[in-house]
Amino acid sequence: MQFKDLGLDNRLLKTLNHFDFKKPTTIQQQAIPVAIAGKDLLASSKTGSGKTLAFVLPMLHKSLKSKAFSAKDPRGLILAPTRELAKQVYGELRTMLGGLSYDATLIVGGENFNDQVKALRRYPKFIVATPGRLADHLEHRSLYLDGLETLVLDEADRMLDLGFAPELRRIHNAAKHRRRQTLMFSATLDHAEVNDIASEMQNEPKRIAVGVSNQEHKDITQKFYLCDHLDHKEAILLRVLEEAEYRQVIIFTATRDDTERLTAKLNELKLKAVALSGNLNQTQRNTIMSQFERAVFKILVTTDVASRGLDIANVTHVINFDMPKHTEEYVHRVGRTGRAGNKGDAVSLVGPKDWDSFKRVETYLQQDLAFSELEGLKGKFKGIKPRKPDMRNKNNDYRNKKAKTQAKKVAKKPAKRDKGFYQNVAVGDSVFIPKKKVAPKVDDE
C-alpha cells in the first residue's frame, strides 16, 4: 500500500512525495482511513511506528476538504505531555503545512505567556500544545475552542500519569460539541484512566492496536548489569562507554542531581556530555536539544523528560543508569535508539534500589532477562530473593482456628426453658419456677 491509496488530498500527497514518503507504516494504514471517515479513534502502537503522521495527515485532509466551523477558532489542536514531544510534533506538522495556506503555533510552558497571547490573536488554524499551558490560556480567555474540528491527544497515558486529567477535561468542555472529532493515541489500551477519559471525550471510538508495547524490538540489543552501589554503577557506565562504538548516547537517571553530577564527571573525561532536566527553562531546553541534534554533544544525560518525543537517528546507545519507576517508560526510553531501521543498543544498570523496577520490567516484557558481566567489574549483588512466608504466623493461625473449632464442638447446648403454667403463674421466657407438688386438701372433720 502507498499513501496515494489512502484517499488523501493531492496537495498532501505532493508534500509526501517531496520528502520521499511513499509507503505508510502499519499504524498509518489502519488509522488514516478511520480518521478520514470522521470517526473517533483510540489507537496504540509502539514507539517509532510513525503515529504522528497518522493523526496529522487526516487532520489536514479534513481542513482541506471542509469549510471551517469558525473564522477565528483553531481547526485542529494537538496535545502532548512534554515540551520536547510537543516541539517534535510541531516540527512534523510544519513540514506537512509547507505549500498550504495554513499557519500553526506552538504553546508550551516555560515560554513567555504574553508572546503566546499575541500569537493566538493571529488566529492560527492549528495549535500544538502541552495541556497545562493551554488550559491557562483558556482560563485567561486568550483562546476559544468553540469551533474546534479535531482534537488529538498524543501519548494520552503519559499525560494522565503526569496528572493532567483536570486540564484535559477543561479543554474537552471548552470544545464540547457533537461535530468535534477526537483522536487519542496511547502506548497501551489497557490503561484504566485512558479508557475512562476516552469514554468521556469520545463517541463510539474505533479501537486500533498495532504491535504490543511489550513486544521485543528486533533492532535493539538489550543488556543488563548487576551493580553493588553507586560507585560500581559509575565504573560500569564508564567501561560501557569506553568499549562501545557509539555515535550518540542518551543516559537516563532518576533525579536532576544525578544528571548534573554524571555530566560533570563525563566532561572531566572529555566525553562531551550535556544535562537536560525539568528545572531548565524552555529556552535552555531548546538550546540543549538543538546542540544534541546537531551532534555538538555526543552524550545527553537526562531524566524521563526525554523518554518520549526524541527522534534522533544518530542515537546508537541508550543507558538506564537508574531503572524507571513506571514500567512503560522502559519501553519509551529504549525506543530512543534503533529508529528508522537502524540498529541500537540498550544497557540497564540494576542495583539493589532498582531490583523491584527490574522485576516489573521483566514481567511486563514477559521475558526471562539474563545479566551480563564485565571483566574486573563483577559485583557481589545477585538480586533480591522473594521473602518466604512466615510459617510461624501460619502455624499460630492454624492453632487458633483449631482451638475455636474444638470450642464450638464442646460448647454446651442451652438448657431447655419450661414455658408451662403452674399454680396460675405464667413462667414464659424469663422466669423458671420448678414444678411443685400440691398436697390434697383434708377436711377437719
Protein backbone atom coordinates (compact mmCIF):
# COMPACT_ATOMS: atom_id res chain seq x y z
CA MET A 1 0.00 0.00 0.00
CA GLN A 2 1.11 3.56 -0.75
CA PHE A 3 -0.08 6.92 0.58
CA LYS A 4 -1.96 7.57 -2.63
CA ASP A 5 -4.15 4.54 -1.84
CA LEU A 6 -5.42 6.11 1.41
CA GLY A 7 -7.59 8.75 -0.26
CA LEU A 8 -5.56 11.75 0.92
CA ASP A 9 -5.78 15.16 -0.72
CA ASN A 10 -3.42 15.59 -3.68
CA ARG A 11 -1.73 18.57 -2.03
CA LEU A 12 -0.72 16.36 0.89
CA LEU A 13 0.48 13.62 -1.47
CA LYS A 14 2.66 16.16 -3.25
CA THR A 15 4.34 17.11 0.05
CA LEU A 16 4.80 13.44 0.98
CA ASN A 17 6.43 12.72 -2.38
CA HIS A 18 8.71 15.73 -1.96
CA PHE A 19 10.08 14.20 1.27
CA ASP A 20 10.15 10.72 -0.33
CA PHE A 21 7.37 9.35 1.92
CA LYS A 22 5.70 6.70 -0.24
CA LYS A 23 4.75 3.70 1.87
CA PRO A 24 2.70 4.26 5.04
CA THR A 25 3.54 2.35 8.20
CA THR A 26 1.09 -0.14 9.69
CA ILE A 27 -0.44 2.34 12.12
CA GLN A 28 -0.80 4.89 9.30
CA GLN A 29 -2.51 2.33 7.04
CA GLN A 30 -5.06 1.47 9.72
CA ALA A 31 -5.61 4.85 11.41
CA ILE A 32 -5.78 7.28 8.46
CA PRO A 33 -8.84 5.76 6.70
CA VAL A 34 -10.75 5.67 10.02
CA ALA A 35 -9.89 9.30 10.78
CA ILE A 36 -10.71 10.46 7.23
CA ALA A 37 -14.13 8.84 7.63
CA GLY A 38 -14.74 11.22 10.56
CA LYS A 39 -14.83 8.60 13.31
CA ASP A 40 -13.27 8.98 16.74
CA LEU A 41 -10.16 6.87 17.19
CA LEU A 42 -8.44 5.23 20.16
CA ALA A 43 -5.17 3.73 18.98
CA SER A 44 -1.96 2.29 20.36
CA SER A 45 1.32 1.50 18.66
CA LYS A 46 4.89 1.00 19.75
CA THR A 47 7.34 3.87 19.78
CA GLY A 48 8.86 4.86 16.44
CA SER A 49 5.93 3.49 14.42
CA GLY A 50 5.09 6.77 12.66
CA LYS A 51 1.94 7.64 14.59
CA THR A 52 2.47 11.43 14.27
CA LEU A 53 1.62 11.37 10.57
CA ALA A 54 -1.25 9.01 11.42
CA PHE A 55 -3.10 11.93 13.03
CA VAL A 56 -1.53 14.94 11.26
CA LEU A 57 -2.46 13.80 7.74
CA PRO A 58 -6.21 13.18 8.34
CA MET A 59 -6.46 16.40 10.37
CA LEU A 60 -5.05 18.42 7.45
CA HIS A 61 -7.10 16.44 4.91
CA LYS A 62 -10.29 17.31 6.78
CA SER A 63 -9.36 21.01 6.80
CA LEU A 64 -8.69 20.98 3.06
CA LYS A 65 -11.94 19.22 2.22
CA SER A 66 -14.42 21.01 4.50
CA LYS A 67 -15.44 24.51 5.49
CA ALA A 68 -14.26 25.84 8.87
CA PHE A 69 -16.76 25.98 11.75
CA SER A 70 -15.35 29.35 12.83
CA ALA A 71 -13.21 32.03 11.19
CA LYS A 72 -11.20 32.73 14.37
CA ASP A 73 -11.03 29.49 16.34
CA PRO A 74 -8.36 26.86 15.58
CA ARG A 75 -9.42 23.96 13.40
CA GLY A 76 -7.05 21.43 14.93
CA LEU A 77 -5.46 21.06 18.39
CA ILE A 78 -2.75 18.53 19.24
CA LEU A 79 -1.91 17.96 22.92
CA ALA A 80 1.36 16.34 24.03
CA PRO A 81 2.61 15.56 27.57
CA THR A 82 6.03 17.24 27.40
CA ARG A 83 7.57 20.27 25.73
CA GLU A 84 10.06 18.09 23.84
CA LEU A 85 7.35 15.89 22.34
CA ALA A 86 5.20 18.93 21.52
CA LYS A 87 8.15 20.52 19.73
CA GLN A 88 8.79 17.29 17.80
CA VAL A 89 5.14 17.05 16.69
CA TYR A 90 5.10 20.75 15.81
CA GLY A 91 8.11 20.22 13.54
CA GLU A 92 6.36 17.43 11.63
CA LEU A 93 3.18 19.49 11.37
CA ARG A 94 5.11 22.45 9.94
CA THR A 95 6.70 20.11 7.41
CA MET A 96 3.30 18.96 6.15
CA LEU A 97 1.97 22.54 6.09
CA GLY A 98 4.58 23.51 3.51
CA GLY A 99 2.83 24.86 0.42
CA LEU A 100 -0.52 25.20 2.22
CA SER A 101 -2.11 28.48 3.27
CA TYR A 102 -2.48 27.44 6.91
CA ASP A 103 -0.38 28.54 9.86
CA ALA A 104 0.35 26.87 13.19
CA THR A 105 1.73 27.83 16.57
CA LEU A 106 3.39 26.07 19.50
CA ILE A 107 2.03 26.72 23.01
CA VAL A 108 4.09 25.18 25.82
CA GLY A 109 5.06 26.02 29.37
CA GLY A 110 8.29 27.81 30.14
CA GLU A 111 7.89 30.41 27.39
CA ASN A 112 6.63 33.98 27.59
CA PHE A 113 2.86 33.94 28.15
CA ASN A 114 2.22 37.37 26.57
CA ASP A 115 4.11 36.40 23.41
CA GLN A 116 1.86 33.37 23.16
CA VAL A 117 -1.22 35.58 23.57
CA LYS A 118 -0.04 37.68 20.63
CA ALA A 119 0.47 34.52 18.54
CA LEU A 120 -3.05 33.31 19.41
CA ARG A 121 -4.53 36.69 18.40
CA ARG A 122 -3.31 35.97 14.87
CA TYR A 123 -5.85 33.10 14.90
CA PRO A 124 -3.66 30.14 13.89
CA LYS A 125 -5.55 27.26 12.31
CA PHE A 126 -3.53 24.61 14.13
CA ILE A 127 -2.08 24.53 17.63
CA VAL A 128 0.36 22.08 19.22
CA ALA A 129 0.43 22.47 23.00
CA THR A 130 1.04 20.98 26.40
CA PRO A 131 -2.24 20.69 28.35
CA GLY A 132 -1.21 22.80 31.35
CA ARG A 133 -0.28 25.92 29.39
CA LEU A 134 -3.24 25.61 27.01
CA ALA A 135 -5.63 25.39 29.99
CA ASP A 136 -4.05 28.60 31.32
CA HIS A 137 -4.87 30.39 28.05
CA LEU A 138 -8.46 29.14 28.22
CA GLU A 139 -8.73 30.50 31.76
CA HIS A 140 -7.38 33.90 30.67
CA ARG A 141 -9.71 33.89 27.64
CA SER A 142 -6.89 34.36 25.17
CA LEU A 143 -8.17 31.32 23.28
CA TYR A 144 -11.58 29.83 22.43
CA LEU A 145 -12.26 26.33 21.13
CA ASP A 146 -15.94 26.62 20.17
CA GLY A 147 -15.11 25.91 16.51
CA LEU A 148 -12.52 23.18 17.04
CA GLU A 149 -12.87 20.40 14.48
CA THR A 150 -10.16 17.91 15.50
CA LEU A 151 -8.73 17.27 18.97
CA VAL A 152 -5.68 14.99 19.18
CA LEU A 153 -4.28 13.54 22.41
CA ASP A 154 -0.79 12.21 21.75
CA GLU A 155 0.64 9.93 24.45
CA ALA A 156 -2.61 10.16 26.44
CA ASP A 157 -1.36 7.67 29.02
CA ARG A 158 1.66 9.82 29.82
CA MET A 159 -0.47 12.96 30.19
CA LEU A 160 -2.67 11.15 32.70
CA ASP A 161 0.34 9.77 34.58
CA LEU A 162 1.62 13.34 34.89
CA GLY A 163 -1.68 14.42 36.46
CA PHE A 164 -3.14 16.40 33.55
CA ALA A 165 -6.62 14.85 33.76
CA PRO A 166 -8.28 18.09 35.10
CA GLU A 167 -6.71 20.14 32.28
CA LEU A 168 -7.78 17.61 29.65
CA ARG A 169 -11.37 17.75 30.91
CA ARG A 170 -11.27 21.57 30.90
CA ILE A 171 -10.10 21.57 27.28
CA HIS A 172 -12.72 18.98 26.37
CA ASN A 173 -15.51 21.08 27.90
CA ALA A 174 -14.30 24.19 26.04
CA ALA A 175 -14.72 22.38 22.71
CA LYS A 176 -17.69 20.20 23.58
CA HIS A 177 -19.87 19.98 20.51
CA ARG A 178 -21.17 16.99 18.60
CA ARG A 179 -19.21 17.68 15.39
CA ARG A 180 -15.78 17.56 17.05
CA GLN A 181 -13.59 14.58 16.18
CA THR A 182 -11.26 13.20 18.84
CA LEU A 183 -8.18 11.12 18.01
CA MET A 184 -6.47 9.57 21.02
CA PHE A 185 -3.12 7.73 20.92
CA SER A 186 -1.69 5.80 23.84
CA ALA A 187 1.18 3.39 24.42
CA THR A 188 -1.37 0.85 25.65
CA LEU A 189 -5.13 0.44 25.57
CA ASP A 190 -5.06 -1.37 28.94
CA HIS A 191 -4.52 1.89 30.86
CA ALA A 192 -7.59 2.28 33.11
CA GLU A 193 -7.52 6.09 33.15
CA VAL A 194 -7.15 6.23 29.36
CA ASN A 195 -10.31 4.19 28.94
CA ASP A 196 -12.14 6.32 31.50
CA ILE A 197 -11.31 9.60 29.80
CA ALA A 198 -11.94 8.10 26.36
CA SER A 199 -15.48 7.26 27.45
CA GLU A 200 -15.96 10.92 28.43
CA MET A 201 -14.36 12.57 25.41
CA GLN A 202 -15.10 10.21 22.53
CA ASN A 203 -18.19 8.94 20.76
CA GLU A 204 -18.04 5.21 19.98
CA PRO A 205 -14.34 5.28 19.05
CA LYS A 206 -12.74 2.77 16.71
CA ARG A 207 -10.02 0.90 18.62
CA ILE A 208 -6.75 0.01 16.86
CA ALA A 209 -3.74 -1.74 18.40
CA VAL A 210 -0.66 -2.15 16.21
CA GLY A 211 2.18 -4.07 17.79
CA VAL A 212 2.11 -4.81 21.50
CA SER A 213 4.01 -2.25 23.58
CA ASN A 214 5.91 -5.05 25.35
CA GLN A 215 6.83 -6.74 22.07
CA GLU A 216 10.55 -7.32 21.62
CA HIS A 217 12.23 -4.75 19.36
CA LYS A 218 14.31 -6.78 16.89
CA ASP A 219 16.62 -3.86 16.05
CA ILE A 220 17.62 -3.22 19.68
CA THR A 221 20.04 -5.36 21.70
CA GLN A 222 19.32 -5.25 25.44
CA LYS A 223 21.91 -5.87 28.16
CA PHE A 224 21.59 -5.79 31.96
CA TYR A 225 24.37 -5.46 34.55
CA LEU A 226 24.09 -6.04 38.30
CA CYS A 227 25.64 -3.27 40.41
CA ASP A 228 26.56 -3.24 44.10
CA HIS A 229 26.36 0.51 44.73
CA LEU A 230 26.67 3.96 43.11
CA ASP A 231 30.45 3.80 42.57
CA HIS A 232 30.09 0.37 40.98
CA LYS A 233 27.39 1.75 38.66
CA GLU A 234 29.62 4.61 37.56
CA ALA A 235 32.52 2.24 36.92
CA ILE A 236 30.35 0.01 34.70
CA LEU A 237 28.95 3.06 32.90
CA LEU A 238 32.43 4.33 32.06
CA ARG A 239 33.54 0.86 30.88
CA VAL A 240 30.49 0.57 28.61
CA LEU A 241 31.18 4.00 27.09
CA GLU A 242 34.84 3.08 26.68
CA GLU A 243 34.15 -0.16 24.83
CA ALA A 244 31.06 0.89 22.82
CA GLU A 245 31.39 2.20 19.29
CA TYR A 246 28.72 4.85 19.63
CA ARG A 247 27.73 7.91 17.64
CA GLN A 248 25.45 9.43 20.28
CA VAL A 249 24.24 8.20 23.67
CA ILE A 250 21.30 9.05 25.93
CA ILE A 251 21.77 8.25 29.64
CA PHE A 252 18.63 8.18 31.79
CA THR A 253 18.80 8.90 35.52
CA ALA A 254 16.24 9.08 38.33
CA THR A 255 16.91 12.61 39.60
CA ARG A 256 18.03 16.02 38.35
CA ASP A 257 21.01 15.98 40.74
CA ASP A 258 22.26 12.76 39.14
CA THR A 259 22.08 14.31 35.67
CA GLU A 260 24.31 17.20 36.72
CA ARG A 261 26.73 15.04 38.69
CA LEU A 262 27.18 12.49 35.91
CA THR A 263 27.50 15.19 33.26
CA ALA A 264 30.28 16.88 35.23
CA LYS A 265 32.11 13.56 35.64
CA LEU A 266 31.83 12.74 31.91
CA ASN A 267 33.04 16.17 30.88
CA GLU A 268 36.07 15.78 33.14
CA LEU A 269 36.91 12.79 30.95
CA LYS A 270 36.44 14.89 27.77
CA LEU A 271 33.37 12.91 26.64
CA LYS A 272 31.29 15.93 25.54
CA ALA A 273 28.17 15.49 27.66
CA VAL A 274 25.25 17.81 28.38
CA ALA A 275 22.47 17.59 31.00
CA LEU A 276 18.74 18.03 30.40
CA SER A 277 16.16 18.13 33.20
CA GLY A 278 12.78 19.62 34.02
CA ASN A 279 14.13 22.55 36.06
CA LEU A 280 15.53 24.30 32.95
CA ASN A 281 13.51 26.97 31.20
CA GLN A 282 12.25 26.38 27.70
CA THR A 283 14.99 28.43 26.01
CA GLN A 284 17.70 26.40 27.76
CA ARG A 285 15.99 23.13 26.87
CA ASN A 286 15.62 24.14 23.23
CA THR A 287 19.28 25.12 23.05
CA ILE A 288 20.43 21.83 24.57
CA MET A 289 18.26 19.73 22.28
CA SER A 290 19.36 21.69 19.22
CA GLN A 291 23.01 21.15 20.12
CA PHE A 292 22.46 17.45 20.73
CA GLU A 293 20.60 17.01 17.44
CA ARG A 294 23.49 18.72 15.63
CA ALA A 295 25.93 16.36 17.43
CA VAL A 296 27.68 19.22 19.24
CA PHE A 297 27.41 16.89 22.24
CA LYS A 298 27.85 13.13 22.00
CA ILE A 299 26.11 12.27 25.28
CA LEU A 300 22.81 13.53 26.68
CA VAL A 301 22.19 12.86 30.38
CA THR A 302 18.53 13.31 31.25
CA THR A 303 15.55 12.27 33.32
CA ASP A 304 12.33 10.86 31.84
CA VAL A 305 11.62 14.29 30.37
CA ALA A 306 13.33 12.99 27.19
CA SER A 307 11.96 9.45 27.20
CA ARG A 308 9.34 10.41 24.60
CA GLY A 309 9.37 12.63 21.57
CA LEU A 310 13.04 12.46 20.65
CA ASP A 311 13.58 11.17 17.13
CA ILE A 312 17.34 11.35 16.50
CA ALA A 313 18.71 8.77 14.09
CA ASN A 314 22.30 9.04 15.39
CA VAL A 315 21.43 7.75 18.89
CA THR A 316 23.05 4.33 18.85
CA HIS A 317 23.00 3.63 22.61
CA VAL A 318 20.56 4.17 25.47
CA ILE A 319 21.79 3.59 29.02
CA ASN A 320 19.46 3.29 32.01
CA PHE A 321 21.72 4.46 34.83
CA ASP A 322 18.61 4.05 37.02
CA MET A 323 15.66 1.85 36.16
CA PRO A 324 12.42 3.79 35.54
CA LYS A 325 9.65 3.90 38.15
CA HIS A 326 6.90 3.35 35.57
CA THR A 327 7.30 0.12 33.61
CA GLU A 328 6.07 1.58 30.30
CA GLU A 329 8.82 4.21 30.47
CA TYR A 330 11.41 1.48 29.96
CA VAL A 331 9.96 0.80 26.51
CA HIS A 332 9.93 4.50 25.64
CA ARG A 333 13.47 5.04 26.88
CA VAL A 334 14.81 2.10 24.91
CA GLY A 335 12.83 3.28 21.88
CA ARG A 336 15.07 6.37 21.57
CA THR A 337 17.53 4.12 19.70
CA GLY A 338 17.07 1.61 16.87
CA ARG A 339 14.81 4.04 14.97
CA ALA A 340 14.02 4.12 11.25
CA GLY A 341 15.52 0.67 10.66
CA ASN A 342 18.82 1.42 12.42
CA LYS A 343 20.38 -0.90 14.97
CA GLY A 344 20.63 0.15 18.61
CA ASP A 345 21.91 -0.99 22.00
CA ALA A 346 20.14 -0.58 25.35
CA VAL A 347 22.10 -1.05 28.57
CA SER A 348 20.48 -1.12 32.04
CA LEU A 349 22.33 -0.93 35.36
CA VAL A 350 20.46 -2.73 38.14
CA GLY A 351 21.37 -2.09 41.76
CA PRO A 352 19.53 -3.05 44.97
CA LYS A 353 17.25 0.02 44.67
CA ASP A 354 16.44 -0.87 41.06
CA TRP A 355 15.56 -4.51 41.71
CA ASP A 356 11.80 -4.12 42.10
CA SER A 357 11.64 -1.97 38.95
CA PHE A 358 13.70 -4.55 37.05
CA LYS A 359 11.36 -7.38 38.07
CA ARG A 360 8.34 -5.35 36.94
CA VAL A 361 10.01 -4.74 33.56
CA GLU A 362 10.77 -8.46 33.28
CA THR A 363 7.12 -9.27 33.95
CA TYR A 364 5.93 -6.59 31.53
CA LEU A 365 8.18 -7.83 28.72
CA GLN A 366 7.24 -11.44 29.51
CA GLN A 367 10.88 -12.46 29.24
CA ASP A 368 13.49 -14.03 31.49
CA LEU A 369 16.17 -11.34 31.31
CA ALA A 370 19.76 -12.51 31.76
CA PHE A 371 22.63 -10.46 33.22
CA SER A 372 25.94 -9.76 31.52
CA GLU A 373 29.30 -9.25 33.23
CA LEU A 374 32.33 -7.08 32.56
CA GLU A 375 35.78 -8.40 33.30
CA GLY A 376 37.14 -6.96 36.51
CA LEU A 377 33.80 -5.38 37.47
CA LYS A 378 31.88 -8.39 38.69
CA GLY A 379 29.86 -7.42 41.74
CA LYS A 380 28.58 -9.24 44.80
CA PHE A 381 24.94 -8.26 44.37
CA LYS A 382 22.98 -11.15 42.85
CA GLY A 383 19.46 -9.85 43.20
CA ILE A 384 16.93 -9.93 45.99
CA LYS A 385 15.19 -13.21 46.64
CA PRO A 386 11.46 -13.04 47.35
CA ARG A 387 10.65 -13.34 51.03
CA LYS A 388 9.36 -16.68 52.22
CA PRO A 389 6.05 -16.62 54.07
CA ASP A 390 6.35 -16.67 57.87
CA MET A 391 5.33 -20.22 58.79
CA ARG A 392 5.15 -19.32 62.49
CA ASN A 393 2.25 -17.00 61.84
CA LYS A 394 0.59 -19.64 59.69
CA ASN A 395 1.02 -22.24 62.45
CA ASN A 396 -0.42 -19.85 65.04
CA ASP A 397 -3.36 -19.12 62.78
CA TYR A 398 -3.91 -22.85 62.35
CA ARG A 399 -3.77 -23.49 66.10
CA ASN A 400 -6.16 -20.64 66.84
CA LYS A 401 -8.57 -21.86 64.19
CA LYS A 402 -8.38 -25.41 65.54
CA ALA A 403 -8.98 -24.22 69.12
CA LYS A 404 -12.05 -22.24 68.04
CA THR A 405 -13.42 -25.26 66.19
CA GLN A 406 -12.94 -27.50 69.22
CA ALA A 407 -14.52 -24.89 71.50
CA LYS A 408 -17.60 -24.88 69.31
CA LYS A 409 -17.84 -28.66 69.50
CA VAL A 410 -17.66 -28.86 73.30
CA ALA A 411 -19.94 -25.89 73.92
CA LYS A 412 -22.91 -26.90 75.96
CA LYS A 413 -26.30 -26.60 74.45
CA PRO A 414 -28.53 -24.09 76.28
CA ALA A 415 -30.96 -25.69 78.74
CA LYS A 416 -34.49 -26.04 77.59
CA ARG A 417 -36.80 -23.48 79.08
CA ASP A 418 -40.03 -24.54 80.63
CA LYS A 419 -42.87 -22.47 79.24
CA GLY A 420 -45.67 -24.22 81.15
CA PHE A 421 -48.09 -22.79 83.71
CA TYR A 422 -48.06 -23.92 87.31
CA GLN A 423 -50.35 -22.65 90.06
CA ASN A 424 -51.65 -19.97 87.71
CA VAL A 425 -48.19 -18.35 87.43
CA ALA A 426 -47.00 -17.52 83.88
CA VAL A 427 -43.36 -18.57 83.62
CA GLY A 428 -42.80 -17.58 79.95
CA ASP A 429 -39.24 -16.99 78.72
CA SER A 430 -37.89 -15.07 81.68
CA VAL A 431 -38.63 -16.99 84.89
CA PHE A 432 -38.31 -20.64 85.62
CA ILE A 433 -40.24 -21.94 88.61
CA PRO A 434 -39.62 -25.53 89.48
CA LYS A 435 -42.63 -27.73 89.44
CA LYS A 436 -44.14 -28.22 92.96
CA LYS A 437 -46.41 -30.95 94.14
CA VAL A 438 -49.62 -29.71 95.82
CA ALA A 439 -50.89 -31.77 98.79
CA PRO A 440 -54.60 -32.76 98.66
CA LYS A 441 -56.94 -30.84 100.91
CA VAL A 442 -58.02 -32.66 104.12
CA ASP A 443 -61.28 -31.79 105.92
CA ASP A 444 -61.02 -31.02 109.65
CA GLU A 445 -63.94 -33.26 110.22
